[in-house]
Amino acid sequence: MTVRKKPKSEEEFIQQASTVVEQKSSAPEPEKAKVRKTELRVPENIYLALENHLQPLDIKPSRNQWILMAIKEKIARDSKAQESS
């Protein structure tokens, strides 16, 4: 955070404020990843196995996070297998 001198006049105050606005507006906005929703139907035995797997963890990821991590791992594994064949 930049520390500035206390403005001596109203004009100086306005000048300082306008430079702050200009600096903030010039920074590019980070792009957010597009998210798509989908309904996932899971057989009860797999659902219960996931719940039992997540239960003893000290820091539990949400079911959504865990499923996304599993999908990423599976895609990486399949990609590696396709490259080696």
Protein backbone atom coordinates (compact mmCIF):
# COMPACT_ATOMS: atom_id res chain seq x y z
CA MET A 1 0.00 0.00 0.00
CA THR A 2 1.35 3.39 -0.96
CA VAL A 3 1.56 6.02 1.77
CA ARG A 4 0.98 9.57 0.57
CA LYS A 5 1.40 12.96 2.18
CA LYS A 6 -1.73 14.59 3.53
CA PRO A 7 -3.07 16.91 0.80
CA LYS A 8 -2.75 20.62 1.58
CA SER A 9 -5.67 21.73 -0.56
CA GLU A 10 -8.87 20.43 -2.03
CA GLU A 11 -7.31 20.51 -5.50
CA GLU A 12 -4.36 18.38 -4.32
CA PHE A 13 -6.80 15.92 -2.72
CA ILE A 14 -8.73 15.57 -5.99
CA GLN A 15 -5.49 15.15 -7.95
CA GLN A 16 -4.33 12.32 -5.65
CA ALA A 17 -7.72 10.60 -5.84
CA SER A 18 -7.78 10.70 -9.63
CA THR A 19 -4.34 9.06 -9.88
CA VAL A 20 -5.48 6.20 -7.65
CA VAL A 21 -8.53 5.58 -9.83
CA GLU A 22 -6.39 5.58 -12.96
CA GLN A 23 -3.95 3.07 -11.47
CA LYS A 24 -6.70 0.69 -10.42
CA SER A 25 -8.53 0.83 -13.73
CA SER A 26 -5.40 0.03 -15.73
CA ALA A 27 -4.92 -3.34 -13.99
CA PRO A 28 -6.31 -6.21 -16.09
CA GLU A 29 -9.19 -8.19 -14.61
CA PRO A 30 -8.31 -11.86 -14.01
CA GLU A 31 -10.38 -14.20 -16.16
CA LYS A 32 -12.64 -16.59 -14.32
CA ALA A 33 -12.87 -20.14 -15.56
CA LYS A 34 -16.22 -20.94 -17.11
CA VAL A 35 -18.13 -23.44 -14.99
CA ARG A 36 -20.78 -25.78 -16.33
CA LYS A 37 -23.24 -27.56 -14.09
CA THR A 38 -24.23 -31.14 -14.62
CA GLU A 39 -26.28 -33.64 -12.69
CA LEU A 40 -24.34 -36.71 -11.63
CA ARG A 41 -26.17 -39.93 -10.82
CA VAL A 42 -24.14 -42.14 -8.51
CA PRO A 43 -25.11 -45.65 -7.43
CA GLU A 44 -25.72 -45.74 -3.69
CA ASN A 45 -22.87 -48.18 -2.96
CA ILE A 46 -20.34 -45.84 -4.66
CA TYR A 47 -21.82 -42.81 -2.89
CA LEU A 48 -21.54 -44.52 0.50
CA ALA A 49 -17.98 -45.65 -0.29
CA LEU A 50 -17.04 -42.04 -1.05
CA GLU A 51 -18.65 -40.82 2.17
CA ASN A 52 -16.77 -43.49 4.16
CA HIS A 53 -13.53 -42.53 2.40
CA LEU A 54 -13.93 -38.81 3.20
CA GLN A 55 -15.15 -39.29 6.80
CA PRO A 56 -11.78 -39.94 8.56
CA LEU A 57 -9.89 -37.16 6.76
CA ASP A 58 -8.74 -34.25 8.93
CA ILE A 59 -9.28 -31.71 6.15
CA LYS A 60 -12.19 -32.86 4.05
CA PRO A 61 -12.57 -31.66 0.50
CA SER A 62 -16.16 -31.24 -0.59
CA ARG A 63 -17.64 -34.09 -2.57
CA ASN A 64 -17.55 -31.81 -5.61
CA GLN A 65 -13.82 -31.06 -5.15
CA TRP A 66 -12.98 -34.72 -4.61
CA ILE A 67 -14.89 -35.78 -7.74
CA LEU A 68 -13.15 -33.07 -9.79
CA MET A 69 -9.73 -34.22 -8.51
CA ALA A 70 -10.61 -37.82 -9.41
CA ILE A 71 -11.68 -36.78 -12.91
CA LYS A 72 -8.43 -34.84 -13.44
CA GLU A 73 -6.35 -37.83 -12.25
CA LYS A 74 -8.24 -40.19 -14.57
CA ILE A 75 -7.79 -37.87 -17.57
CA ALA A 76 -4.05 -37.51 -16.81
CA ARG A 77 -3.66 -41.29 -16.45
CA ASP A 78 -5.53 -41.99 -19.70
CA SER A 79 -3.52 -39.32 -21.55
CA LYS A 80 -0.25 -40.83 -20.33
CA ALA A 81 -1.40 -44.33 -21.41
CA GLN A 82 -2.34 -43.07 -24.89
CA GLU A 83 1.04 -41.36 -25.31
CA SER A 84 2.95 -44.53 -24.40
CA SER A 85 1.01 -46.74 -26.85
